[in-house]
């Protein structure tokens, strides 16, 4: 990898999750370094099947993941290519 790629990777890996949003068809992960990672919700069937009102009832887990009150599954930033 080149220096710029290493720098960007280090920024991503050192940051923690601070917020989530669910615009139509997507999950947006907001990191403390002001990065926003946007992925299609279809990549995560367990999230996609949750009704919109249940997606809004989430909890961040130690800055490295999140879960929903109506789901038994937790999601780690690694599942989104982070950390």
N, C-alpha and C. Protein backbone atom coordinates (compact mmCIF):
# COMPACT_ATOMS: atom_id res chain seq x y z
N UNK A 1 0.83 -1.19 0.00
CA UNK A 1 0.00 0.00 0.00
C UNK A 1 0.88 1.25 0.00
N UNK A 2 0.30 2.30 -0.50
CA UNK A 2 1.05 3.55 -0.48
C UNK A 2 0.77 4.33 0.80
N UNK A 3 1.50 5.39 1.02
CA UNK A 3 1.36 6.17 2.25
C UNK A 3 -0.02 6.74 2.46
N UNK A 4 -0.64 7.22 1.38
CA UNK A 4 -1.97 7.81 1.51
C UNK A 4 -2.99 6.76 1.91
N UNK A 5 -2.93 5.58 1.31
CA UNK A 5 -3.84 4.50 1.67
C UNK A 5 -3.66 4.09 3.12
N UNK A 6 -2.41 3.98 3.56
CA UNK A 6 -2.13 3.63 4.96
C UNK A 6 -2.70 4.68 5.90
N UNK A 7 -2.56 5.95 5.55
CA UNK A 7 -3.08 7.04 6.37
C UNK A 7 -4.60 6.95 6.49
N UNK A 8 -5.27 6.76 5.37
CA UNK A 8 -6.73 6.66 5.37
C UNK A 8 -7.17 5.46 6.19
N UNK A 9 -6.52 4.33 6.01
CA UNK A 9 -6.87 3.13 6.78
C UNK A 9 -6.68 3.37 8.28
N UNK A 10 -5.62 4.08 8.66
CA UNK A 10 -5.38 4.34 10.08
C UNK A 10 -6.47 5.25 10.65
N UNK A 11 -6.94 6.21 9.85
CA UNK A 11 -8.03 7.07 10.31
C UNK A 11 -9.29 6.26 10.58
N UNK A 12 -9.60 5.36 9.67
CA UNK A 12 -10.79 4.54 9.82
C UNK A 12 -10.66 3.62 11.03
N UNK A 13 -9.52 2.97 11.16
CA UNK A 13 -9.35 1.96 12.20
C UNK A 13 -9.32 2.56 13.60
N UNK A 14 -8.96 3.81 13.74
CA UNK A 14 -8.85 4.42 15.05
C UNK A 14 -10.11 5.13 15.49
N UNK A 15 -11.13 5.08 14.70
CA UNK A 15 -12.32 5.84 15.03
C UNK A 15 -13.46 4.95 15.49
N UNK A 16 -14.31 5.60 16.23
CA UNK A 16 -15.41 4.89 16.86
C UNK A 16 -16.74 5.37 16.27
N UNK A 17 -17.70 4.50 16.33
CA UNK A 17 -19.04 4.79 15.86
C UNK A 17 -19.73 5.75 16.83
N UNK A 18 -20.32 6.82 16.29
CA UNK A 18 -21.00 7.79 17.14
C UNK A 18 -22.48 7.98 16.79
N UNK A 19 -22.88 7.54 15.59
CA UNK A 19 -24.28 7.72 15.19
C UNK A 19 -24.61 6.79 14.03
N UNK A 20 -25.88 6.52 13.87
CA UNK A 20 -26.41 5.72 12.75
C UNK A 20 -27.59 6.45 12.15
N UNK A 21 -27.76 6.26 10.84
CA UNK A 21 -28.96 6.75 10.16
C UNK A 21 -29.34 5.70 9.14
N UNK A 22 -30.60 5.70 8.78
CA UNK A 22 -31.10 4.74 7.82
C UNK A 22 -31.91 5.42 6.73
N UNK A 23 -31.23 6.19 5.85
CA UNK A 23 -31.97 6.75 4.71
C UNK A 23 -32.44 5.60 3.82
N UNK A 24 -33.43 5.82 3.06
CA UNK A 24 -34.08 4.77 2.27
C UNK A 24 -33.07 3.86 1.57
N UNK A 25 -33.08 2.59 1.97
CA UNK A 25 -32.27 1.58 1.32
C UNK A 25 -30.81 1.52 1.76
N UNK A 26 -30.43 2.34 2.73
CA UNK A 26 -29.02 2.40 3.14
C UNK A 26 -28.87 2.43 4.66
N UNK A 27 -27.66 2.11 5.09
CA UNK A 27 -27.22 2.32 6.47
C UNK A 27 -26.09 3.32 6.40
N UNK A 28 -26.14 4.36 7.20
CA UNK A 28 -25.05 5.32 7.29
C UNK A 28 -24.43 5.22 8.68
N UNK A 29 -23.14 4.96 8.72
CA UNK A 29 -22.39 4.88 9.96
C UNK A 29 -21.58 6.16 10.09
N UNK A 30 -21.76 6.87 11.17
CA UNK A 30 -21.05 8.11 11.42
C UNK A 30 -19.94 7.84 12.44
N UNK A 31 -18.71 8.14 12.04
CA UNK A 31 -17.55 7.89 12.89
C UNK A 31 -17.09 9.19 13.54
N UNK A 32 -16.34 9.07 14.63
CA UNK A 32 -15.92 10.26 15.36
C UNK A 32 -14.95 11.14 14.59
N UNK A 33 -14.34 10.62 13.51
CA UNK A 33 -13.45 11.45 12.70
C UNK A 33 -14.22 12.17 11.59
N UNK A 34 -15.55 12.21 11.71
CA UNK A 34 -16.46 12.85 10.76
C UNK A 34 -16.62 12.10 9.45
N UNK A 35 -16.10 10.89 9.36
CA UNK A 35 -16.33 10.06 8.18
C UNK A 35 -17.74 9.47 8.25
N UNK A 36 -18.35 9.31 7.10
CA UNK A 36 -19.65 8.65 6.99
C UNK A 36 -19.47 7.49 6.02
N UNK A 37 -19.84 6.31 6.47
CA UNK A 37 -19.77 5.12 5.63
C UNK A 37 -21.21 4.74 5.30
N UNK A 38 -21.50 4.66 3.99
CA UNK A 38 -22.86 4.39 3.53
C UNK A 38 -22.86 3.07 2.76
N UNK A 39 -23.69 2.12 3.22
CA UNK A 39 -23.76 0.81 2.56
C UNK A 39 -25.23 0.44 2.34
N UNK A 40 -25.51 -0.34 1.31
CA UNK A 40 -26.89 -0.78 1.09
C UNK A 40 -27.36 -1.68 2.23
N UNK A 41 -28.55 -1.42 2.72
CA UNK A 41 -29.10 -2.22 3.82
C UNK A 41 -29.32 -3.67 3.36
N UNK A 42 -29.46 -3.89 2.07
CA UNK A 42 -29.65 -5.24 1.55
C UNK A 42 -28.49 -6.17 1.83
N UNK A 43 -27.31 -5.63 2.13
CA UNK A 43 -26.16 -6.46 2.48
C UNK A 43 -26.30 -7.08 3.87
N UNK A 44 -27.27 -6.61 4.64
CA UNK A 44 -27.48 -7.07 6.00
C UNK A 44 -28.95 -7.47 6.17
N UNK A 45 -29.30 -8.70 5.78
CA UNK A 45 -30.70 -9.14 5.79
C UNK A 45 -31.38 -9.00 7.16
N UNK A 46 -30.64 -9.21 8.25
CA UNK A 46 -31.25 -9.08 9.57
C UNK A 46 -31.67 -7.64 9.88
N UNK A 47 -30.94 -6.69 9.33
CA UNK A 47 -31.32 -5.28 9.51
C UNK A 47 -32.45 -4.92 8.55
N UNK A 48 -32.33 -5.41 7.32
CA UNK A 48 -33.34 -5.08 6.31
C UNK A 48 -34.74 -5.54 6.73
N UNK A 49 -34.82 -6.69 7.41
CA UNK A 49 -36.15 -7.21 7.79
C UNK A 49 -36.78 -6.46 8.96
N UNK A 50 -36.00 -5.64 9.67
CA UNK A 50 -36.57 -4.85 10.77
C UNK A 50 -37.43 -3.71 10.21
N UNK A 51 -38.60 -3.51 10.76
CA UNK A 51 -39.40 -2.35 10.35
C UNK A 51 -38.65 -1.05 10.66
N UNK A 52 -38.92 -0.01 9.90
CA UNK A 52 -38.22 1.27 10.05
C UNK A 52 -38.26 1.77 11.50
N UNK A 53 -39.39 1.64 12.17
CA UNK A 53 -39.49 2.13 13.55
C UNK A 53 -38.55 1.36 14.48
N UNK A 54 -38.32 0.08 14.19
CA UNK A 54 -37.40 -0.71 15.01
C UNK A 54 -35.94 -0.40 14.68
N UNK A 55 -35.66 -0.01 13.45
CA UNK A 55 -34.30 0.39 13.09
C UNK A 55 -33.89 1.66 13.83
N UNK A 56 -34.85 2.49 14.16
CA UNK A 56 -34.55 3.73 14.87
C UNK A 56 -34.28 3.51 16.36
N UNK A 57 -34.49 2.29 16.83
CA UNK A 57 -34.29 1.97 18.24
C UNK A 57 -33.00 1.16 18.40
N UNK A 58 -31.87 1.81 18.13
CA UNK A 58 -30.56 1.16 18.16
C UNK A 58 -29.74 1.63 19.35
N UNK A 59 -28.68 0.87 19.60
CA UNK A 59 -27.75 1.20 20.69
C UNK A 59 -26.33 0.92 20.21
N UNK A 60 -25.43 1.87 20.43
CA UNK A 60 -24.02 1.69 20.09
C UNK A 60 -23.35 0.88 21.18
N UNK A 61 -22.52 -0.07 20.77
CA UNK A 61 -21.82 -0.96 21.68
C UNK A 61 -20.34 -0.60 21.72
N UNK A 62 -19.92 0.08 22.75
CA UNK A 62 -18.51 0.44 22.98
C UNK A 62 -17.84 1.14 21.80
N UNK A 63 -18.63 1.80 20.96
CA UNK A 63 -18.08 2.54 19.83
C UNK A 63 -17.62 1.68 18.67
N UNK A 64 -17.72 0.36 18.80
CA UNK A 64 -17.23 -0.53 17.74
C UNK A 64 -18.33 -1.38 17.11
N UNK A 65 -19.56 -1.17 17.54
CA UNK A 65 -20.66 -1.94 16.97
C UNK A 65 -21.98 -1.35 17.41
N UNK A 66 -23.05 -2.03 17.02
CA UNK A 66 -24.39 -1.58 17.39
C UNK A 66 -25.35 -2.75 17.37
N UNK A 67 -26.48 -2.55 18.03
CA UNK A 67 -27.54 -3.54 18.06
C UNK A 67 -28.88 -2.81 18.08
N UNK A 68 -29.93 -3.59 17.97
CA UNK A 68 -31.29 -3.05 18.00
C UNK A 68 -32.06 -3.73 19.12
N UNK A 69 -32.96 -3.00 19.76
CA UNK A 69 -33.74 -3.58 20.85
C UNK A 69 -34.60 -4.75 20.38
N UNK A 70 -35.03 -4.72 19.13
CA UNK A 70 -35.89 -5.78 18.61
C UNK A 70 -35.11 -6.86 17.85
N UNK A 71 -33.81 -6.94 18.07
CA UNK A 71 -32.96 -7.93 17.39
C UNK A 71 -32.00 -8.55 18.40
N UNK A 72 -31.73 -9.82 18.22
CA UNK A 72 -30.77 -10.51 19.08
C UNK A 72 -29.35 -10.40 18.56
N UNK A 73 -29.18 -9.83 17.37
CA UNK A 73 -27.87 -9.78 16.74
C UNK A 73 -27.19 -8.43 16.96
N UNK A 74 -25.88 -8.49 17.15
CA UNK A 74 -25.06 -7.29 17.19
C UNK A 74 -24.25 -7.19 15.91
N UNK A 75 -23.89 -6.00 15.53
CA UNK A 75 -23.15 -5.75 14.30
C UNK A 75 -21.87 -5.00 14.65
N UNK A 76 -20.75 -5.50 14.16
CA UNK A 76 -19.44 -4.90 14.45
C UNK A 76 -18.98 -4.10 13.24
N UNK A 77 -18.19 -3.06 13.49
CA UNK A 77 -17.66 -2.25 12.38
C UNK A 77 -16.90 -3.08 11.36
N UNK A 78 -16.29 -4.18 11.80
CA UNK A 78 -15.57 -5.05 10.86
C UNK A 78 -16.48 -5.58 9.77
N UNK A 79 -17.75 -5.77 10.09
CA UNK A 79 -18.71 -6.26 9.09
C UNK A 79 -18.94 -5.22 7.98
N UNK A 80 -18.54 -3.99 8.24
CA UNK A 80 -18.68 -2.91 7.27
C UNK A 80 -17.33 -2.52 6.68
N UNK A 81 -16.33 -3.37 6.90
CA UNK A 81 -15.00 -3.11 6.37
C UNK A 81 -14.20 -2.12 7.19
N UNK A 82 -14.61 -1.89 8.44
CA UNK A 82 -13.93 -0.94 9.31
C UNK A 82 -13.33 -1.67 10.51
N UNK A 83 -12.33 -1.04 11.10
CA UNK A 83 -11.62 -1.53 12.29
C UNK A 83 -10.80 -2.70 11.87
